[in-house]
Amino acid sequence: MDCQKCKSNQDRVVATEGYSDRVRRRRECITCGHRWTTEERIIEEEPPREGTSFDCAGRLCRL
């Protein structure tokens, strides 16, 4: 992750908070000391149902 201030890609995670649908991380640039927060969302995908497949257009089709 690039620092917003000095554009360095050297950072570390200072703190992490977990929620049911996301994770928030407090990050610190090792080069200049600037801190910022990132948020990662958890996306759960359902597995394909039995007897179905995806065609080339990505639509769900029955076999």
PDB file of N, CA and C in Angstrom:
ATOM      1  N   MET A   1       0.848  -1.164   0.000  1.00  0.00           N
ATOM      2  CA  MET A   1       0.000   0.000   0.000  1.00  0.00           C
ATOM      3  C   MET A   1       0.899   1.234   0.000  1.00  0.00           C
ATOM      4  N   ASP A   2       0.659   2.162  -0.903  1.00  0.00           N
ATOM      5  CA  ASP A   2       1.490   3.363  -1.011  1.00  0.00           C
ATOM      6  C   ASP A   2       1.048   4.438  -0.027  1.00  0.00           C
ATOM      7  N   CYS A   3       2.023   5.115   0.570  1.00  0.00           N
ATOM      8  CA  CYS A   3       1.762   6.232   1.481  1.00  0.00           C
ATOM      9  C   CYS A   3       1.152   7.387   0.690  1.00  0.00           C
ATOM     10  N   GLN A   4       0.141   8.011   1.234  1.00  0.00           N
ATOM     11  CA  GLN A   4      -0.525   9.128   0.561  1.00  0.00           C
ATOM     12  C   GLN A   4       0.332  10.385   0.564  1.00  0.00           C
ATOM     13  N   LYS A   5       1.285  10.458   1.488  1.00  0.00           N
ATOM     14  CA  LYS A   5       2.111  11.656   1.626  1.00  0.00           C
ATOM     15  C   LYS A   5       3.406  11.574   0.825  1.00  0.00           C
ATOM     16  N   CYS A   6       4.196  10.510   1.017  1.00  0.00           N
ATOM     17  CA  CYS A   6       5.514  10.428   0.373  1.00  0.00           C
ATOM     18  C   CYS A   6       5.571   9.380  -0.739  1.00  0.00           C
ATOM     19  N   LYS A   7       4.482   8.633  -0.953  1.00  0.00           N
ATOM     20  CA  LYS A   7       4.370   7.613  -2.011  1.00  0.00           C
ATOM     21  C   LYS A   7       5.252   6.389  -1.809  1.00  0.00           C
ATOM     22  N   SER A   8       5.821   6.231  -0.622  1.00  0.00           N
ATOM     23  CA  SER A   8       6.624   5.044  -0.315  1.00  0.00           C
ATOM     24  C   SER A   8       5.696   3.839  -0.185  1.00  0.00           C
ATOM     25  N   ASN A   9       6.191   2.654  -0.524  1.00  0.00           N
ATOM     26  CA  ASN A   9       5.379   1.448  -0.345  1.00  0.00           C
ATOM     27  C   ASN A   9       5.813   0.661   0.893  1.00  0.00           C
ATOM     28  N   GLN A  10       6.532   1.309   1.777  1.00  0.00           N
ATOM     29  CA  GLN A  10       6.978   0.689   3.031  1.00  0.00           C
ATOM     30  C   GLN A  10       6.040   1.115   4.154  1.00  0.00           C
ATOM     31  N   ASP A  11       5.122   0.222   4.548  1.00  0.00           N
ATOM     32  CA  ASP A  11       4.201   0.549   5.643  1.00  0.00           C
ATOM     33  C   ASP A  11       4.048  -0.652   6.558  1.00  0.00           C
ATOM     34  N   ARG A  12       3.467  -0.384   7.709  1.00  0.00           N
ATOM     35  CA  ARG A  12       3.199  -1.466   8.655  1.00  0.00           C
ATOM     36  C   ARG A  12       1.815  -1.256   9.248  1.00  0.00           C
ATOM     37  N   VAL A  13       1.196  -2.338   9.712  1.00  0.00           N
ATOM     38  CA  VAL A  13      -0.115  -2.273  10.347  1.00  0.00           C
ATOM     39  C   VAL A  13       0.099  -2.015  11.835  1.00  0.00           C
ATOM     40  N   VAL A  14      -0.508  -0.921  12.326  1.00  0.00           N
ATOM     41  CA  VAL A  14      -0.366  -0.530  13.723  1.00  0.00           C
ATOM     42  C   VAL A  14      -1.480  -1.141  14.571  1.00  0.00           C
ATOM     43  N   ALA A  15      -2.713  -1.182  14.025  1.00  0.00           N
ATOM     44  CA  ALA A  15      -3.861  -1.721  14.760  1.00  0.00           C
ATOM     45  C   ALA A  15      -4.847  -2.327  13.776  1.00  0.00           C
ATOM     46  N   THR A  16      -5.591  -3.340  14.228  1.00  0.00           N
ATOM     47  CA  THR A  16      -6.611  -3.998  13.418  1.00  0.00           C
ATOM     48  C   THR A  16      -7.877  -4.147  14.238  1.00  0.00           C
ATOM     49  N   GLU A  17      -9.018  -3.781  13.630  1.00  0.00           N
ATOM     50  CA  GLU A  17     -10.323  -3.960  14.262  1.00  0.00           C
ATOM     51  C   GLU A  17     -11.176  -4.805  13.343  1.00  0.00           C
ATOM     52  N   GLY A  18     -11.723  -5.890  13.853  1.00  0.00           N
ATOM     53  CA  GLY A  18     -12.554  -6.761  13.050  1.00  0.00           C
ATOM     54  C   GLY A  18     -14.023  -6.576  13.365  1.00  0.00           C
ATOM     55  N   TYR A  19     -14.836  -6.513  12.330  1.00  0.00           N
ATOM     56  CA  TYR A  19     -16.285  -6.431  12.452  1.00  0.00           C
ATOM     57  C   TYR A  19     -16.870  -7.615  11.702  1.00  0.00           C
ATOM     58  N   SER A  20     -18.195  -7.765  11.718  1.00  0.00           N
ATOM     59  CA  SER A  20     -18.811  -8.928  11.073  1.00  0.00           C
ATOM     60  C   SER A  20     -18.655  -8.909   9.556  1.00  0.00           C
ATOM     61  N   ASP A  21     -18.621  -7.716   8.945  1.00  0.00           N
ATOM     62  CA  ASP A  21     -18.566  -7.645   7.488  1.00  0.00           C
ATOM     63  C   ASP A  21     -17.350  -6.907   6.950  1.00  0.00           C
ATOM     64  N   ARG A  22     -16.437  -6.484   7.811  1.00  0.00           N
ATOM     65  CA  ARG A  22     -15.261  -5.733   7.339  1.00  0.00           C
ATOM     66  C   ARG A  22     -14.138  -5.761   8.374  1.00  0.00           C
ATOM     67  N   VAL A  23     -12.940  -5.355   7.917  1.00  0.00           N
ATOM     68  CA  VAL A  23     -11.772  -5.234   8.786  1.00  0.00           C
ATOM     69  C   VAL A  23     -11.195  -3.848   8.568  1.00  0.00           C
ATOM     70  N   ARG A  24     -10.947  -3.118   9.648  1.00  0.00           N
ATOM     71  CA  ARG A  24     -10.309  -1.801   9.556  1.00  0.00           C
ATOM     72  C   ARG A  24      -8.886  -1.919  10.078  1.00  0.00           C
ATOM     73  N   ARG A  25      -7.949  -1.345   9.333  1.00  0.00           N
ATOM     74  CA  ARG A  25      -6.538  -1.395   9.719  1.00  0.00           C
ATOM     75  C   ARG A  25      -5.978   0.019   9.783  1.00  0.00           C
ATOM     76  N   ARG A  26      -5.240   0.295  10.842  1.00  0.00           N
ATOM     77  CA  ARG A  26      -4.526   1.557  10.976  1.00  0.00           C
ATOM     78  C   ARG A  26      -3.113   1.282  10.509  1.00  0.00           C
ATOM     79  N   ARG A  27      -2.644   2.033   9.508  1.00  0.00           N
ATOM     80  CA  ARG A  27      -1.329   1.811   8.920  1.00  0.00           C
ATOM     81  C   ARG A  27      -0.425   3.001   9.156  1.00  0.00           C
ATOM     82  N   GLU A  28       0.896   2.725   9.159  1.00  0.00           N
ATOM     83  CA  GLU A  28       1.889   3.777   9.356  1.00  0.00           C
ATOM     84  C   GLU A  28       3.002   3.604   8.333  1.00  0.00           C
ATOM     85  N   CYS A  29       3.378   4.703   7.670  1.00  0.00           N
ATOM     86  CA  CYS A  29       4.476   4.684   6.714  1.00  0.00           C
ATOM     87  C   CYS A  29       5.793   4.598   7.480  1.00  0.00           C
ATOM     88  N   ILE A  30       6.632   3.664   7.115  1.00  0.00           N
ATOM     89  CA  ILE A  30       7.924   3.499   7.781  1.00  0.00           C
ATOM     90  C   ILE A  30       8.870   4.644   7.404  1.00  0.00           C
ATOM     91  N   THR A  31       8.716   5.181   6.189  1.00  0.00           N
ATOM     92  CA  THR A  31       9.608   6.234   5.700  1.00  0.00           C
ATOM     93  C   THR A  31       9.353   7.581   6.364  1.00  0.00           C
ATOM     94  N   CYS A  32       8.076   8.046   6.364  1.00  0.00           N
ATOM     95  CA  CYS A  32       7.792   9.404   6.860  1.00  0.00           C
ATOM     96  C   CYS A  32       6.946   9.450   8.130  1.00  0.00           C
ATOM     97  N   GLY A  33       6.359   8.306   8.560  1.00  0.00           N
ATOM     98  CA  GLY A  33       5.579   8.268   9.793  1.00  0.00           C
ATOM     99  C   GLY A  33       4.111   8.647   9.630  1.00  0.00           C
ATOM    100  N   HIS A  34       3.677   8.973   8.415  1.00  0.00           N
ATOM    101  CA  HIS A  34       2.275   9.321   8.166  1.00  0.00           C
ATOM    102  C   HIS A  34       1.383   8.116   8.472  1.00  0.00           C
ATOM    103  N   ARG A  35       0.205   8.358   9.077  1.00  0.00           N
ATOM    104  CA  ARG A  35      -0.727   7.273   9.402  1.00  0.00           C
ATOM    105  C   ARG A  35      -2.031   7.453   8.655  1.00  0.00           C
ATOM    106  N   TRP A  36      -2.654   6.326   8.277  1.00  0.00           N
ATOM    107  CA  TRP A  36      -3.952   6.345   7.619  1.00  0.00           C
ATOM    108  C   TRP A  36      -4.699   5.060   7.927  1.00  0.00           C
ATOM    109  N   THR A  37      -5.997   5.054   7.627  1.00  0.00           N
ATOM    110  CA  THR A  37      -6.855   3.909   7.901  1.00  0.00           C
ATOM    111  C   THR A  37      -7.324   3.297   6.590  1.00  0.00           C
ATOM    112  N   THR A  38      -7.308   1.960   6.520  1.00  0.00           N
ATOM    113  CA  THR A  38      -7.861   1.251   5.375  1.00  0.00           C
ATOM    114  C   THR A  38      -8.999   0.377   5.860  1.00  0.00           C
ATOM    115  N   GLU A  39      -9.932   0.096   4.966  1.00  0.00           N
ATOM    116  CA  GLU A  39     -11.069  -0.751   5.302  1.00  0.00           C
ATOM    117  C   GLU A  39     -11.204  -1.833   4.247  1.00  0.00           C
ATOM    118  N   GLU A  40     -11.265  -3.072   4.685  1.00  0.00           N
ATOM    119  CA  GLU A  40     -11.409  -4.208   3.784  1.00  0.00           C
ATOM    120  C   GLU A  40     -12.770  -4.834   4.025  1.00  0.00           C
ATOM    121  N   ARG A  41     -13.557  -4.963   2.976  1.00  0.00           N
ATOM    122  CA  ARG A  41     -14.886  -5.575   3.092  1.00  0.00           C
ATOM    123  C   ARG A  41     -14.792  -7.060   2.759  1.00  0.00           C
ATOM    124  N   ILE A  42     -15.564  -7.852   3.463  1.00  0.00           N
ATOM    125  CA  ILE A  42     -15.605  -9.291   3.255  1.00  0.00           C
ATOM    126  C   ILE A  42     -16.761  -9.592   2.313  1.00  0.00           C
ATOM    127  N   ILE A  43     -16.465 -10.230   1.180  1.00  0.00           N
ATOM    128  CA  ILE A  43     -17.485 -10.583   0.204  1.00  0.00           C
ATOM    129  C   ILE A  43     -17.591 -12.100   0.177  1.00  0.00           C
ATOM    130  N   GLU A  44     -18.764 -12.594   0.528  1.00  0.00           N
ATOM    131  CA  GLU A  44     -18.985 -14.031   0.512  1.00  0.00           C
ATOM    132  C   GLU A  44     -19.766 -14.389  -0.743  1.00  0.00           C
ATOM    133  N   GLU A  45     -19.244 -15.321  -1.503  1.00  0.00           N
ATOM    134  CA  GLU A  45     -19.920 -15.772  -2.712  1.00  0.00           C
ATOM    135  C   GLU A  45     -20.527 -17.142  -2.462  1.00  0.00           C
ATOM    136  N   GLU A  46     -21.736 -17.320  -2.983  1.00  0.00           N
ATOM    137  CA  GLU A  46     -22.384 -18.625  -2.852  1.00  0.00           C
ATOM    138  C   GLU A  46     -21.772 -19.598  -3.849  1.00  0.00           C
ATOM    139  N   PRO A  47     -21.537 -20.835  -3.431  1.00  0.00           N
ATOM    140  CA  PRO A  47     -21.020 -21.828  -4.386  1.00  0.00           C
ATOM    141  C   PRO A  47     -22.099 -22.147  -5.424  1.00  0.00           C
ATOM    142  N   PRO A  48     -21.715 -22.526  -6.640  1.00  0.00           N
ATOM    143  CA  PRO A  48     -22.707 -22.870  -7.670  1.00  0.00           C
ATOM    144  C   PRO A  48     -23.584 -24.026  -7.208  1.00  0.00           C
ATOM    145  N   ARG A  49     -24.863 -23.949  -7.558  1.00  0.00           N
ATOM    146  CA  ARG A  49     -25.793 -25.022  -7.189  1.00  0.00           C
ATOM    147  C   ARG A  49     -25.509 -26.255  -8.031  1.00  0.00           C
ATOM    148  N   GLU A  50     -25.883 -27.409  -7.502  1.00  0.00           N
ATOM    149  CA  GLU A  50     -25.699 -28.653  -8.231  1.00  0.00           C
ATOM    150  C   GLU A  50     -26.546 -28.636  -9.496  1.00  0.00           C
ATOM    151  N   GLY A  51     -26.006 -29.090 -10.606  1.00  0.00           N
ATOM    152  CA  GLY A  51     -26.757 -29.137 -11.852  1.00  0.00           C
ATOM    153  C   GLY A  51     -26.739 -27.828 -12.617  1.00  0.00           C
ATOM    154  N   THR A  52     -25.859 -26.907 -12.254  1.00  0.00           N
ATOM    155  CA  THR A  52     -25.753 -25.638 -12.972  1.00  0.00           C
ATOM    156  C   THR A  52     -24.313 -25.411 -13.399  1.00  0.00           C
ATOM    157  N   SER A  53     -24.132 -24.565 -14.398  1.00  0.00           N
ATOM    158  CA  SER A  53     -22.790 -24.189 -14.817  1.00  0.00           C
ATOM    159  C   SER A  53     -22.845 -22.783 -15.391  1.00  0.00           C
ATOM    160  N   PHE A  54     -21.695 -22.178 -15.606  1.00  0.00           N
ATOM    161  CA  PHE A  54     -21.616 -20.833 -16.159  1.00  0.00           C
ATOM    162  C   PHE A  54     -21.227 -20.915 -17.626  1.00  0.00           C
ATOM    163  N   ASP A  55     -21.937 -20.167 -18.469  1.00  0.00           N
ATOM    164  CA  ASP A  55     -21.549 -20.117 -19.870  1.00  0.00           C
ATOM    165  C   ASP A  55     -20.499 -19.035 -20.053  1.00  0.00           C
ATOM    166  N   CYS A  56     -20.074 -18.788 -21.282  1.00  0.00           N
ATOM    167  CA  CYS A  56     -18.998 -17.838 -21.561  1.00  0.00           C
ATOM    168  C   CYS A  56     -19.349 -16.411 -21.182  1.00  0.00           C
ATOM    169  N   ALA A  57     -20.628 -16.063 -21.138  1.00  0.00           N
ATOM    170  CA  ALA A  57     -21.048 -14.708 -20.805  1.00  0.00           C
ATOM    171  C   ALA A  57     -21.182 -14.520 -19.297  1.00  0.00           C
ATOM    172  N   GLY A  58     -20.951 -15.558 -18.521  1.00  0.00           N
ATOM    173  CA  GLY A  58     -21.011 -15.448 -17.066  1.00  0.00           C
ATOM    174  C   GLY A  58     -22.413 -15.620 -16.510  1.00  0.00           C
ATOM    175  N   ARG A  59     -23.392 -16.003 -17.339  1.00  0.00           N
ATOM    176  CA  ARG A  59     -24.751 -16.209 -16.857  1.00  0.00           C
ATOM    177  C   ARG A  59     -24.888 -17.619 -16.303  1.00  0.00           C
ATOM    178  N   LEU A  60     -25.738 -17.779 -15.315  1.00  0.00           N
ATOM    179  CA  LEU A  60     -25.971 -19.087 -14.721  1.00  0.00           C
ATOM    180  C   LEU A  60     -26.953 -19.862 -15.600  1.00  0.00           C
ATOM    181  N   CYS A  61     -26.592 -21.080 -15.993  1.00  0.00           N
ATOM    182  CA  CYS A  61     -27.433 -21.889 -16.873  1.00  0.00           C
ATOM    183  C   CYS A  61     -27.619 -23.271 -16.277  1.00  0.00           C
ATOM    184  N   ARG A  62     -28.746 -23.881 -16.598  1.00  0.00           N
ATOM    185  CA  ARG A  62     -28.993 -25.270 -16.173  1.00  0.00           C
ATOM    186  C   ARG A  62     -28.318 -26.225 -17.147  1.00  0.00           C
ATOM    187  N   LEU A  63     -27.839 -27.348 -16.614  1.00  0.00           N
ATOM    188  CA  LEU A  63     -27.237 -28.382 -17.466  1.00  0.00           C
ATOM    189  C   LEU A  63     -28.287 -29.280 -18.050  1.00  0.00           C
TER     190      LEU A  63
END
